[in-house]
Amino acid sequence: SIKFSSQGVLIRRSTQFQGVNYIRTDMFSSDGKVIYTSPRVRHEDHPAPYLHGQAYSTGRLLSATDEGVVQEEVQSRVTKTFDATKGLVEEGDVLHAYQGGLLVVKDTTVIHVTLS
């Protein structure tokens, strides 16, 4: 999965090695220099192992989960969950950055959410 921001690109990929699925993440500057390459993280150990439907802003990746929107600081791998979004989003929803917040795209609705 490839995500673009105003300052660079994030690539997240799922790989398999000896029968185990892993997530790897790479960040690149706008001129193509590698900023960060993550170690392999087992799919089941990653807090938000999704490849699609995420919103990206330089250094931060937002994912919809059944527990709410999870923000991952890509380089530090620190995550936090926006508790107020629990019940509003669920795994499989698609997130898009929009006017200082997020558009949460569901099967039949679109919701605008502002995170703080």
PDB file of N, CA and C in Angstrom:
ATOM      1  N   SER A   1       0.857  -1.168   0.000  1.00  0.00           N
ATOM      2  CA  SER A   1       0.000   0.000   0.000  1.00  0.00           C
ATOM      3  C   SER A   1       0.901   1.227   0.000  1.00  0.00           C
ATOM      4  N   ILE A   2       0.560   2.218  -0.801  1.00  0.00           N
ATOM      5  CA  ILE A   2       1.358   3.444  -0.891  1.00  0.00           C
ATOM      6  C   ILE A   2       0.485   4.619  -0.497  1.00  0.00           C
ATOM      7  N   LYS A   3       1.013   5.472   0.388  1.00  0.00           N
ATOM      8  CA  LYS A   3       0.320   6.677   0.849  1.00  0.00           C
ATOM      9  C   LYS A   3       1.239   7.871   0.609  1.00  0.00           C
ATOM     10  N   PHE A   4       0.648   8.967   0.164  1.00  0.00           N
ATOM     11  CA  PHE A   4       1.405  10.174  -0.115  1.00  0.00           C
ATOM     12  C   PHE A   4       1.033  11.263   0.880  1.00  0.00           C
ATOM     13  N   SER A   5       2.006  12.088   1.236  1.00  0.00           N
ATOM     14  CA  SER A   5       1.751  13.291   2.032  1.00  0.00           C
ATOM     15  C   SER A   5       2.438  14.445   1.327  1.00  0.00           C
ATOM     16  N   SER A   6       2.309  15.632   1.882  1.00  0.00           N
ATOM     17  CA  SER A   6       2.929  16.800   1.254  1.00  0.00           C
ATOM     18  C   SER A   6       4.455  16.742   1.333  1.00  0.00           C
ATOM     19  N   GLN A   7       4.989  15.904   2.211  1.00  0.00           N
ATOM     20  CA  GLN A   7       6.440  15.863   2.394  1.00  0.00           C
ATOM     21  C   GLN A   7       7.078  14.526   2.056  1.00  0.00           C
ATOM     22  N   GLY A   8       6.299  13.560   1.595  1.00  0.00           N
ATOM     23  CA  GLY A   8       6.914  12.286   1.269  1.00  0.00           C
ATOM     24  C   GLY A   8       5.923  11.183   0.981  1.00  0.00           C
ATOM     25  N   VAL A   9       6.433   9.960   1.087  1.00  0.00           N
ATOM     26  CA  VAL A   9       5.672   8.771   0.727  1.00  0.00           C
ATOM     27  C   VAL A   9       5.866   7.708   1.804  1.00  0.00           C
ATOM     28  N   LEU A  10       4.799   6.959   2.081  1.00  0.00           N
ATOM     29  CA  LEU A  10       4.878   5.829   2.989  1.00  0.00           C
ATOM     30  C   LEU A  10       4.485   4.577   2.214  1.00  0.00           C
ATOM     31  N   ILE A  11       5.268   3.525   2.368  1.00  0.00           N
ATOM     32  CA  ILE A  11       4.952   2.242   1.760  1.00  0.00           C
ATOM     33  C   ILE A  11       4.815   1.231   2.884  1.00  0.00           C
ATOM     34  N   ARG A  12       3.670   0.563   2.940  1.00  0.00           N
ATOM     35  CA  ARG A  12       3.447  -0.505   3.919  1.00  0.00           C
ATOM     36  C   ARG A  12       3.173  -1.762   3.121  1.00  0.00           C
ATOM     37  N   ARG A  13       3.858  -2.831   3.501  1.00  0.00           N
ATOM     38  CA  ARG A  13       3.682  -4.076   2.758  1.00  0.00           C
ATOM     39  C   ARG A  13       3.589  -5.262   3.710  1.00  0.00           C
ATOM     40  N   SER A  14       2.884  -6.250   3.250  1.00  0.00           N
ATOM     41  CA  SER A  14       2.752  -7.505   3.966  1.00  0.00           C
ATOM     42  C   SER A  14       3.630  -8.517   3.251  1.00  0.00           C
ATOM     43  N   THR A  15       4.492  -9.175   4.011  1.00  0.00           N
ATOM     44  CA  THR A  15       5.379 -10.170   3.423  1.00  0.00           C
ATOM     45  C   THR A  15       5.240 -11.467   4.210  1.00  0.00           C
ATOM     46  N   GLN A  16       5.703 -12.536   3.617  1.00  0.00           N
ATOM     47  CA  GLN A  16       5.681 -13.815   4.302  1.00  0.00           C
ATOM     48  C   GLN A  16       7.078 -14.402   4.265  1.00  0.00           C
ATOM     49  N   PHE A  17       7.543 -14.868   5.425  1.00  0.00           N
ATOM     50  CA  PHE A  17       8.860 -15.494   5.517  1.00  0.00           C
ATOM     51  C   PHE A  17       8.709 -16.757   6.353  1.00  0.00           C
ATOM     52  N   GLN A  18       9.063 -17.882   5.780  1.00  0.00           N
ATOM     53  CA  GLN A  18       8.965 -19.183   6.439  1.00  0.00           C
ATOM     54  C   GLN A  18       7.583 -19.411   7.049  1.00  0.00           C
ATOM     55  N   GLY A  19       6.544 -19.047   6.301  1.00  0.00           N
ATOM     56  CA  GLY A  19       5.171 -19.291   6.710  1.00  0.00           C
ATOM     57  C   GLY A  19       4.584 -18.295   7.696  1.00  0.00           C
ATOM     58  N   VAL A  20       5.345 -17.255   8.064  1.00  0.00           N
ATOM     59  CA  VAL A  20       4.867 -16.244   9.008  1.00  0.00           C
ATOM     60  C   VAL A  20       4.648 -14.938   8.259  1.00  0.00           C
ATOM     61  N   ASN A  21       3.474 -14.305   8.481  1.00  0.00           N
ATOM     62  CA  ASN A  21       3.158 -13.027   7.838  1.00  0.00           C
ATOM     63  C   ASN A  21       3.713 -11.866   8.662  1.00  0.00           C
ATOM     64  N   TYR A  22       4.339 -10.926   7.963  1.00  0.00           N
ATOM     65  CA  TYR A  22       4.944  -9.754   8.593  1.00  0.00           C
ATOM     66  C   TYR A  22       4.450  -8.471   7.938  1.00  0.00           C
ATOM     67  N   ILE A  23       4.509  -7.387   8.679  1.00  0.00           N
ATOM     68  CA  ILE A  23       4.248  -6.042   8.162  1.00  0.00           C
ATOM     69  C   ILE A  23       5.580  -5.291   8.167  1.00  0.00           C
ATOM     70  N   ARG A  24       5.868  -4.597   7.076  1.00  0.00           N
ATOM     71  CA  ARG A  24       7.055  -3.733   6.972  1.00  0.00           C
ATOM     72  C   ARG A  24       6.597  -2.373   6.501  1.00  0.00           C
ATOM     73  N   THR A  25       7.215  -1.327   7.027  1.00  0.00           N
ATOM     74  CA  THR A  25       6.841   0.038   6.671  1.00  0.00           C
ATOM     75  C   THR A  25       8.090   0.827   6.327  1.00  0.00           C
ATOM     76  N   ASP A  26       8.030   1.589   5.239  1.00  0.00           N
ATOM     77  CA  ASP A  26       9.135   2.449   4.822  1.00  0.00           C
ATOM     78  C   ASP A  26       8.601   3.853   4.566  1.00  0.00           C
ATOM     79  N   MET A  27       9.355   4.862   4.994  1.00  0.00           N
ATOM     80  CA  MET A  27       9.018   6.260   4.702  1.00  0.00           C
ATOM     81  C   MET A  27      10.139   6.857   3.866  1.00  0.00           C
ATOM     82  N   PHE A  28       9.735   7.642   2.860  1.00  0.00           N
ATOM     83  CA  PHE A  28      10.674   8.298   1.957  1.00  0.00           C
ATOM     84  C   PHE A  28      10.374   9.786   1.919  1.00  0.00           C
ATOM     85  N   SER A  29      11.413  10.585   1.787  1.00  0.00           N
ATOM     86  CA  SER A  29      11.222  12.026   1.614  1.00  0.00           C
ATOM     87  C   SER A  29      10.711  12.290   0.206  1.00  0.00           C
ATOM     88  N   SER A  30      10.305  13.521  -0.056  1.00  0.00           N
ATOM     89  CA  SER A  30       9.767  13.861  -1.378  1.00  0.00           C
ATOM     90  C   SER A  30      10.815  13.744  -2.480  1.00  0.00           C
ATOM     91  N   ASP A  31      12.100  13.739  -2.102  1.00  0.00           N
ATOM     92  CA  ASP A  31      13.136  13.558  -3.118  1.00  0.00           C
ATOM     93  C   ASP A  31      13.643  12.109  -3.176  1.00  0.00           C
ATOM     94  N   GLY A  32      12.925  11.188  -2.540  1.00  0.00           N
ATOM     95  CA  GLY A  32      13.215   9.771  -2.681  1.00  0.00           C
ATOM     96  C   GLY A  32      14.197   9.186  -1.687  1.00  0.00           C
ATOM     97  N   LYS A  33      14.656   9.959  -0.708  1.00  0.00           N
ATOM     98  CA  LYS A  33      15.595   9.431   0.286  1.00  0.00           C
ATOM     99  C   LYS A  33      14.837   8.658   1.366  1.00  0.00           C
ATOM    100  N   VAL A  34      15.425   7.545   1.782  1.00  0.00           N
ATOM    101  CA  VAL A  34      14.812   6.727   2.825  1.00  0.00           C
ATOM    102  C   VAL A  34      14.927   7.461   4.158  1.00  0.00           C
ATOM    103  N   ILE A  35      13.783   7.690   4.802  1.00  0.00           N
ATOM    104  CA  ILE A  35      13.746   8.334   6.119  1.00  0.00           C
ATOM    105  C   ILE A  35      13.710   7.283   7.212  1.00  0.00           C
ATOM    106  N   TYR A  36      12.952   6.220   6.953  1.00  0.00           N
ATOM    107  CA  TYR A  36      12.758   5.193   7.984  1.00  0.00           C
ATOM    108  C   TYR A  36      12.386   3.875   7.333  1.00  0.00           C
ATOM    109  N   THR A  37      12.940   2.796   7.864  1.00  0.00           N
ATOM    110  CA  THR A  37      12.562   1.444   7.484  1.00  0.00           C
ATOM    111  C   THR A  37      12.315   0.675   8.766  1.00  0.00           C
ATOM    112  N   SER A  38      11.131   0.117   8.905  1.00  0.00           N
ATOM    113  CA  SER A  38      10.789  -0.607  10.132  1.00  0.00           C
ATOM    114  C   SER A  38      11.394  -2.002  10.114  1.00  0.00           C
ATOM    115  N   PRO A  39      11.534  -2.576  11.298  1.00  0.00           N
ATOM    116  CA  PRO A  39      11.851  -3.997  11.331  1.00  0.00           C
ATOM    117  C   PRO A  39      10.601  -4.781  10.939  1.00  0.00           C
ATOM    118  N   ARG A  40      10.763  -6.062  10.662  1.00  0.00           N
ATOM    119  CA  ARG A  40       9.594  -6.910  10.412  1.00  0.00           C
ATOM    120  C   ARG A  40       8.812  -7.051  11.713  1.00  0.00           C
ATOM    121  N   VAL A  41       7.503  -6.871  11.626  1.00  0.00           N
ATOM    122  CA  VAL A  41       6.634  -7.044  12.782  1.00  0.00           C
ATOM    123  C   VAL A  41       5.608  -8.110  12.411  1.00  0.00           C
ATOM    124  N   ARG A  42       5.493  -9.116  13.246  1.00  0.00           N
ATOM    125  CA  ARG A  42       4.508 -10.168  12.974  1.00  0.00           C
ATOM    126  C   ARG A  42       3.124  -9.545  12.836  1.00  0.00           C
ATOM    127  N   HIS A  43       2.392  -9.976  11.843  1.00  0.00           N
ATOM    128  CA  HIS A  43       1.072  -9.432  11.555  1.00  0.00           C
ATOM    129  C   HIS A  43       0.205  -9.394  12.808  1.00  0.00           C
ATOM    130  N   GLU A  44       0.173 -10.468  13.571  1.00  0.00           N
ATOM    131  CA  GLU A  44      -0.690 -10.519  14.753  1.00  0.00           C
ATOM    132  C   GLU A  44      -0.177  -9.664  15.910  1.00  0.00           C
ATOM    133  N   ASP A  45       1.076  -9.219  15.866  1.00  0.00           N
ATOM    134  CA  ASP A  45       1.631  -8.364  16.920  1.00  0.00           C
ATOM    135  C   ASP A  45       1.503  -6.877  16.607  1.00  0.00           C
ATOM    136  N   HIS A  46       1.118  -6.548  15.400  1.00  0.00           N
ATOM    137  CA  HIS A  46       1.012  -5.147  14.987  1.00  0.00           C
ATOM    138  C   HIS A  46      -0.345  -4.595  15.425  1.00  0.00           C
ATOM    139  N   PRO A  47      -0.390  -3.377  16.023  1.00  0.00           N
ATOM    140  CA  PRO A  47      -1.663  -2.830  16.494  1.00  0.00           C
ATOM    141  C   PRO A  47      -2.635  -2.451  15.374  1.00  0.00           C
ATOM    142  N   ALA A  48      -2.127  -2.191  14.188  1.00  0.00           N
ATOM    143  CA  ALA A  48      -2.987  -1.821  13.055  1.00  0.00           C
ATOM    144  C   ALA A  48      -2.352  -2.367  11.778  1.00  0.00           C
ATOM    145  N   PRO A  49      -2.486  -3.667  11.549  1.00  0.00           N
ATOM    146  CA  PRO A  49      -1.761  -4.311  10.452  1.00  0.00           C
ATOM    147  C   PRO A  49      -2.410  -4.176   9.080  1.00  0.00           C
ATOM    148  N   TYR A  50      -3.241  -3.176   8.913  1.00  0.00           N
ATOM    149  CA  TYR A  50      -4.002  -3.049   7.672  1.00  0.00           C
ATOM    150  C   TYR A  50      -3.151  -2.412   6.588  1.00  0.00           C
ATOM    151  N   LEU A  51      -3.426  -2.776   5.360  1.00  0.00           N
ATOM    152  CA  LEU A  51      -2.705  -2.193   4.237  1.00  0.00           C
ATOM    153  C   LEU A  51      -3.523  -1.127   3.532  1.00  0.00           C
ATOM    154  N   HIS A  52      -4.834  -1.203   3.632  1.00  0.00           N
ATOM    155  CA  HIS A  52      -5.683  -0.302   2.863  1.00  0.00           C
ATOM    156  C   HIS A  52      -6.655   0.436   3.778  1.00  0.00           C
ATOM    157  N   GLY A  53      -7.143   1.574   3.303  1.00  0.00           N
ATOM    158  CA  GLY A  53      -8.158   2.319   4.041  1.00  0.00           C
ATOM    159  C   GLY A  53      -7.608   3.264   5.084  1.00  0.00           C
ATOM    160  N   GLN A  54      -6.310   3.480   5.084  1.00  0.00           N
ATOM    161  CA  GLN A  54      -5.691   4.336   6.086  1.00  0.00           C
ATOM    162  C   GLN A  54      -5.502   5.752   5.565  1.00  0.00           C
ATOM    163  N   ALA A  55      -5.438   6.689   6.508  1.00  0.00           N
ATOM    164  CA  ALA A  55      -5.114   8.073   6.175  1.00  0.00           C
ATOM    165  C   ALA A  55      -3.691   8.331   6.642  1.00  0.00           C
ATOM    166  N   TYR A  56      -2.911   9.047   5.836  1.00  0.00           N
ATOM    167  CA  TYR A  56      -1.508   9.300   6.160  1.00  0.00           C
ATOM    168  C   TYR A  56      -1.219  10.778   6.100  1.00  0.00           C
ATOM    169  N   SER A  57      -0.556  11.256   7.119  1.00  0.00           N
ATOM    170  CA  SER A  57       0.001  12.603   7.152  1.00  0.00           C
ATOM    171  C   SER A  57       1.425  12.410   7.625  1.00  0.00           C
ATOM    172  N   THR A  58       2.355  13.139   7.088  1.00  0.00           N
ATOM    173  CA  THR A  58       3.771  12.915   7.325  1.00  0.00           C
ATOM    174  C   THR A  58       4.072  12.366   8.717  1.00  0.00           C
ATOM    175  N   GLY A  59       4.517  11.127   8.755  1.00  0.00           N
ATOM    176  CA  GLY A  59       4.927  10.486  10.001  1.00  0.00           C
ATOM    177  C   GLY A  59       3.821   9.828  10.800  1.00  0.00           C
ATOM    178  N   ARG A  60       2.569  10.051  10.448  1.00  0.00           N
ATOM    179  CA  ARG A  60       1.441   9.490  11.192  1.00  0.00           C
ATOM    180  C   ARG A  60       0.502   8.741  10.260  1.00  0.00           C
ATOM    181  N   LEU A  61       0.101   7.574  10.712  1.00  0.00           N
ATOM    182  CA  LEU A  61      -0.808   6.746   9.944  1.00  0.00           C
ATOM    183  C   LEU A  61      -2.031   6.474  10.806  1.00  0.00           C
ATOM    184  N   LEU A  62      -3.209   6.744  10.270  1.00  0.00           N
ATOM    185  CA  LEU A  62      -4.466   6.528  10.994  1.00  0.00           C
ATOM    186  C   LEU A  62      -5.202   5.352  10.383  1.00  0.00           C
ATOM    187  N   SER A  63      -5.691   4.457  11.254  1.00  0.00           N
ATOM    188  CA  SER A  63      -6.405   3.260  10.817  1.00  0.00           C
ATOM    189  C   SER A  63      -7.720   3.134  11.564  1.00  0.00           C
ATOM    190  N   ALA A  64      -8.737   2.645  10.882  1.00  0.00           N
ATOM    191  CA  ALA A  64     -10.020   2.367  11.527  1.00  0.00           C
ATOM    192  C   ALA A  64      -9.985   0.948  12.079  1.00  0.00           C
ATOM    193  N   THR A  65     -10.304   0.813  13.360  1.00  0.00           N
ATOM    194  CA  THR A  65     -10.371  -0.503  13.997  1.00  0.00           C
ATOM    195  C   THR A  65     -11.692  -0.598  14.751  1.00  0.00           C
ATOM    196  N   ASP A  66     -12.012  -1.769  15.223  1.00  0.00           N
ATOM    197  CA  ASP A  66     -13.233  -1.940  16.021  1.00  0.00           C
ATOM    198  C   ASP A  66     -13.139  -1.231  17.367  1.00  0.00           C
ATOM    199  N   GLU A  67     -11.927  -0.858  17.778  1.00  0.00           N
ATOM    200  CA  GLU A  67     -11.726  -0.138  19.038  1.00  0.00           C
ATOM    201  C   GLU A  67     -11.700   1.373  18.844  1.00  0.00           C
ATOM    202  N   GLY A  68     -11.796   1.835  17.609  1.00  0.00           N
ATOM    203  CA  GLY A  68     -11.753   3.260  17.284  1.00  0.00           C
ATOM    204  C   GLY A  68     -10.628   3.545  16.319  1.00  0.00           C
ATOM    205  N   VAL A  69     -10.384   4.836  16.069  1.00  0.00           N
ATOM    206  CA  VAL A  69      -9.295   5.229  15.178  1.00  0.00           C
ATOM    207  C   VAL A  69      -7.971   5.092  15.940  1.00  0.00           C
ATOM    208  N   VAL A  70      -7.024   4.382  15.337  1.00  0.00           N
ATOM    209  CA  VAL A  70      -5.701   4.200  15.923  1.00  0.00           C
ATOM    210  C   VAL A  70      -4.717   5.063  15.150  1.00  0.00           C
ATOM    211  N   GLN A  71      -3.957   5.878  15.886  1.00  0.00           N
ATOM    212  CA  GLN A  71      -2.897   6.697  15.288  1.00  0.00           C
ATOM    213  C   GLN A  71      -1.558   6.044  15.581  1.00  0.00           C
ATOM    214  N   GLU A  72      -0.792   5.823  14.544  1.00  0.00           N
ATOM    215  CA  GLU A  72       0.542   5.231  14.690  1.00  0.00           C
ATOM    216  C   GLU A  72       1.588   6.265  14.297  1.00  0.00           C
ATOM    217  N   GLU A  73       2.483   6.573  15.227  1.00  0.00           N
ATOM    218  CA  GLU A  73       3.665   7.374  14.899  1.00  0.00           C
ATOM    219  C   GLU A  73       4.634   6.390  14.249  1.00  0.00           C
ATOM    220  N   VAL A  74       4.840   6.520  12.960  1.00  0.00           N
ATOM    221  CA  VAL A  74       5.518   5.484  12.190  1.00  0.00           C
ATOM    222  C   VAL A  74       6.933   5.215  12.694  1.00  0.00           C
ATOM    223  N   GLN A  75       7.738   6.241  12.894  1.00  0.00           N
ATOM    224  CA  GLN A  75       9.126   6.010  13.277  1.00  0.00           C
ATOM    225  C   GLN A  75       9.272   5.477  14.696  1.00  0.00           C
ATOM    226  N   SER A  76       8.517   6.000  15.637  1.00  0.00           N
ATOM    227  CA  SER A  76       8.643   5.543  17.021  1.00  0.00           C
ATOM    228  C   SER A  76       7.796   4.307  17.287  1.00  0.00           C
ATOM    229  N   ARG A  77       6.850   4.014  16.371  1.00  0.00           N
ATOM    230  CA  ARG A  77       5.914   2.899  16.482  1.00  0.00           C
ATOM    231  C   ARG A  77       5.012   3.027  17.713  1.00  0.00           C
ATOM    232  N   VAL A  78       4.865   4.239  18.222  1.00  0.00           N
ATOM    233  CA  VAL A  78       3.958   4.503  19.328  1.00  0.00           C
ATOM    234  C   VAL A  78       2.552   4.664  18.759  1.00  0.00           C
ATOM    235  N   THR A  79       1.577   4.021  19.397  1.00  0.00           N
ATOM    236  CA  THR A  79       0.201   4.117  18.932  1.00  0.00           C
ATOM    237  C   THR A  79      -0.686   4.680  20.030  1.00  0.00           C
ATOM    238  N   LYS A  80      -1.749   5.306  19.603  1.00  0.00           N
ATOM    239  CA  LYS A  80      -2.782   5.719  20.542  1.00  0.00           C
ATOM    240  C   LYS A  80      -4.121   5.541  19.850  1.00  0.00           C
ATOM    241  N   THR A  81      -5.131   5.268  20.652  1.00  0.00           N
ATOM    242  CA  THR A  81      -6.482   5.086  20.134  1.00  0.00           C
ATOM    243  C   THR A  81      -7.327   6.267  20.562  1.00  0.00           C
ATOM    244  N   PHE A  82      -8.062   6.840  19.628  1.00  0.00           N
ATOM    245  CA  PHE A  82      -8.992   7.926  19.938  1.00  0.00           C
ATOM    246  C   PHE A  82     -10.279   7.284  20.437  1.00  0.00           C
ATOM    247  N   ASP A  83     -10.402   7.213  21.771  1.00  0.00           N
ATOM    248  CA  ASP A  83     -11.515   6.496  22.396  1.00  0.00           C
ATOM    249  C   ASP A  83     -12.883   7.010  21.959  1.00  0.00           C
ATOM    250  N   ALA A  84     -12.984   8.312  21.688  1.00  0.00           N
ATOM    251  CA  ALA A  84     -14.272   8.901  21.305  1.00  0.00           C
ATOM    252  C   ALA A  84     -14.772   8.365  19.962  1.00  0.00           C
ATOM    253  N   THR A  85     -13.897   7.710  19.201  1.00  0.00           N
ATOM    254  CA  THR A  85     -14.308   7.174  17.895  1.00  0.00           C
ATOM    255  C   THR A  85     -14.771   5.722  17.970  1.00  0.00           C
ATOM    256  N   LYS A  86     -14.675   5.109  19.156  1.00  0.00           N
ATOM    257  CA  LYS A  86     -15.147   3.737  19.299  1.00  0.00           C
ATOM    258  C   LYS A  86     -16.659   3.718  19.072  1.00  0.00           C
ATOM    259  N   GLY A  87     -17.122   2.794  18.275  1.00  0.00           N
ATOM    260  CA  GLY A  87     -18.534   2.716  17.924  1.00  0.00           C
ATOM    261  C   GLY A  87     -18.876   3.568  16.712  1.00  0.00           C
ATOM    262  N   LEU A  88     -17.991   4.490  16.361  1.00  0.00           N
ATOM    263  CA  LEU A  88     -18.198   5.341  15.198  1.00  0.00           C
ATOM    264  C   LEU A  88     -17.516   4.752  13.963  1.00  0.00           C
ATOM    265  N   VAL A  89     -16.365   4.108  14.197  1.00  0.00           N
ATOM    266  CA  VAL A  89     -15.624   3.466  13.106  1.00  0.00           C
ATOM    267  C   VAL A  89     -15.477   1.992  13.425  1.00  0.00           C
ATOM    268  N   GLU A  90     -15.177   1.227  12.408  1.00  0.00           N
ATOM    269  CA  GLU A  90     -14.910  -0.192  12.599  1.00  0.00           C
ATOM    270  C   GLU A  90     -13.905  -0.651  11.557  1.00  0.00           C
ATOM    271  N   GLU A  91     -13.279  -1.768  11.835  1.00  0.00           N
ATOM    272  CA  GLU A  91     -12.318  -2.327  10.897  1.00  0.00           C
ATOM    273  C   GLU A  91     -12.975  -2.479   9.533  1.00  0.00           C
ATOM    274  N   GLY A  92     -12.273  -2.064   8.505  1.00  0.00           N
ATOM    275  CA  GLY A  92     -12.809  -2.129   7.148  1.00  0.00           C
ATOM    276  C   GLY A  92     -13.281  -0.792   6.624  1.00  0.00           C
ATOM    277  N   ASP A  93     -13.517   0.183   7.529  1.00  0.00           N
ATOM    278  CA  ASP A  93     -13.861   1.526   7.068  1.00  0.00           C
ATOM    279  C   ASP A  93     -12.638   2.151   6.409  1.00  0.00           C
ATOM    280  N   VAL A  94     -12.881   3.051   5.482  1.00  0.00           N
ATOM    281  CA  VAL A  94     -11.799   3.739   4.779  1.00  0.00           C
ATOM    282  C   VAL A  94     -11.708   5.165   5.318  1.00  0.00           C
ATOM    283  N   LEU A  95     -10.488   5.601   5.617  1.00  0.00           N
ATOM    284  CA  LEU A  95     -10.261   6.947   6.144  1.00  0.00           C
ATOM    285  C   LEU A  95      -9.589   7.820   5.094  1.00  0.00           C
ATOM    286  N   HIS A  96     -10.026   9.085   5.032  1.00  0.00           N
ATOM    287  CA  HIS A  96      -9.408  10.079   4.152  1.00  0.00           C
ATOM    288  C   HIS A  96      -9.236  11.361   4.947  1.00  0.00           C
ATOM    289  N   ALA A  97      -8.058  11.975   4.857  1.00  0.00           N
ATOM    290  CA  ALA A  97      -7.856  13.289   5.479  1.00  0.00           C
ATOM    291  C   ALA A  97      -8.747  14.298   4.754  1.00  0.00           C
ATOM    292  N   TYR A  98      -9.438  15.163   5.553  1.00  0.00           N
ATOM    293  CA  TYR A  98     -10.348  16.125   4.937  1.00  0.00           C
ATOM    294  C   TYR A  98     -10.600  17.282   5.891  1.00  0.00           C
ATOM    295  N   GLN A  99     -10.278  18.487   5.466  1.00  0.00           N
ATOM    296  CA  GLN A  99     -10.566  19.726   6.187  1.00  0.00           C
ATOM    297  C   GLN A  99     -10.277  19.644   7.680  1.00  0.00           C
ATOM    298  N   GLY A 100      -9.045  19.305   8.020  1.00  0.00           N
ATOM    299  CA  GLY A 100      -8.627  19.269   9.408  1.00  0.00           C
ATOM    300  C   GLY A 100      -9.158  18.083  10.190  1.00  0.00           C
ATOM    301  N   GLY A 101      -9.753  17.120   9.524  1.00  0.00           N
ATOM    302  CA  GLY A 101     -10.281  15.939  10.190  1.00  0.00           C
ATOM    303  C   GLY A 101     -10.199  14.738   9.276  1.00  0.00           C
ATOM    304  N   LEU A 102     -11.144  13.852   9.453  1.00  0.00           N
ATOM    305  CA  LEU A 102     -11.181  12.631   8.654  1.00  0.00           C
ATOM    306  C   LEU A 102     -12.562  12.409   8.078  1.00  0.00           C
ATOM    307  N   LEU A 103     -12.587  11.884   6.878  1.00  0.00           N
ATOM    308  CA  LEU A 103     -13.827  11.320   6.351  1.00  0.00           C
ATOM    309  C   LEU A 103     -13.746   9.824   6.600  1.00  0.00           C
ATOM    310  N   VAL A 104     -14.772   9.301   7.242  1.00  0.00           N
ATOM    311  CA  VAL A 104     -14.878   7.869   7.483  1.00  0.00           C
ATOM    312  C   VAL A 104     -15.889   7.345   6.470  1.00  0.00           C
ATOM    313  N   VAL A 105     -15.424   6.527   5.548  1.00  0.00           N
ATOM    314  CA  VAL A 105     -16.275   6.006   4.491  1.00  0.00           C
ATOM    315  C   VAL A 105     -16.676   4.588   4.858  1.00  0.00           C
ATOM    316  N   LYS A 106     -17.981   4.410   5.014  1.00  0.00           N
ATOM    317  CA  LYS A 106     -18.560   3.106   5.322  1.00  0.00           C
ATOM    318  C   LYS A 106     -19.275   2.603   4.079  1.00  0.00           C
ATOM    319  N   ASP A 107     -19.902   1.464   4.162  1.00  0.00           N
ATOM    320  CA  ASP A 107     -20.616   0.897   3.005  1.00  0.00           C
ATOM    321  C   ASP A 107     -21.732   1.813   2.505  1.00  0.00           C
ATOM    322  N   THR A 108     -22.461   2.454   3.427  1.00  0.00           N
ATOM    323  CA  THR A 108     -23.620   3.249   3.008  1.00  0.00           C
ATOM    324  C   THR A 108     -23.579   4.701   3.483  1.00  0.00           C
ATOM    325  N   THR A 109     -22.578   5.092   4.245  1.00  0.00           N
ATOM    326  CA  THR A 109     -22.507   6.454   4.763  1.00  0.00           C
ATOM    327  C   THR A 109     -21.085   6.988   4.759  1.00  0.00           C
ATOM    328  N   VAL A 110     -20.992   8.313   4.856  1.00  0.00           N
ATOM    329  CA  VAL A 110     -19.722   9.000   5.025  1.00  0.00           C
ATOM    330  C   VAL A 110     -19.884   9.932   6.213  1.00  0.00           C
ATOM    331  N   ILE A 111     -18.932   9.868   7.141  1.00  0.00           N
ATOM    332  CA  ILE A 111     -18.980  10.672   8.354  1.00  0.00           C
ATOM    333  C   ILE A 111     -17.737  11.553   8.420  1.00  0.00           C
ATOM    334  N   HIS A 112     -17.909  12.837   8.786  1.00  0.00           N
ATOM    335  CA  HIS A 112     -16.755  13.720   8.988  1.00  0.00           C
ATOM    336  C   HIS A 112     -16.449  13.754  10.476  1.00  0.00           C
ATOM    337  N   VAL A 113     -15.198  13.427  10.836  1.00  0.00           N
ATOM    338  CA  VAL A 113     -14.765  13.350  12.229  1.00  0.00           C
ATOM    339  C   VAL A 113     -13.594  14.294  12.426  1.00  0.00           C
ATOM    340  N   THR A 114     -13.609  15.040  13.535  1.00  0.00           N
ATOM    341  CA  THR A 114     -12.474  15.876  13.916  1.00  0.00           C
ATOM    342  C   THR A 114     -11.830  15.243  15.135  1.00  0.00           C
ATOM    343  N   LEU A 115     -10.524  14.977  15.066  1.00  0.00           N
ATOM    344  CA  LEU A 115      -9.806  14.346  16.173  1.00  0.00           C
ATOM    345  C   LEU A 115      -9.051  15.408  16.956  1.00  0.00           C
ATOM    346  N   SER A 116      -8.987  15.206  18.270  1.00  0.00           N
ATOM    347  CA  SER A 116      -8.190  16.136  19.101  1.00  0.00           C
ATOM    348  C   SER A 116      -7.424  15.374  20.146  1.00  0.00           C
TER     349      SER A 116
END
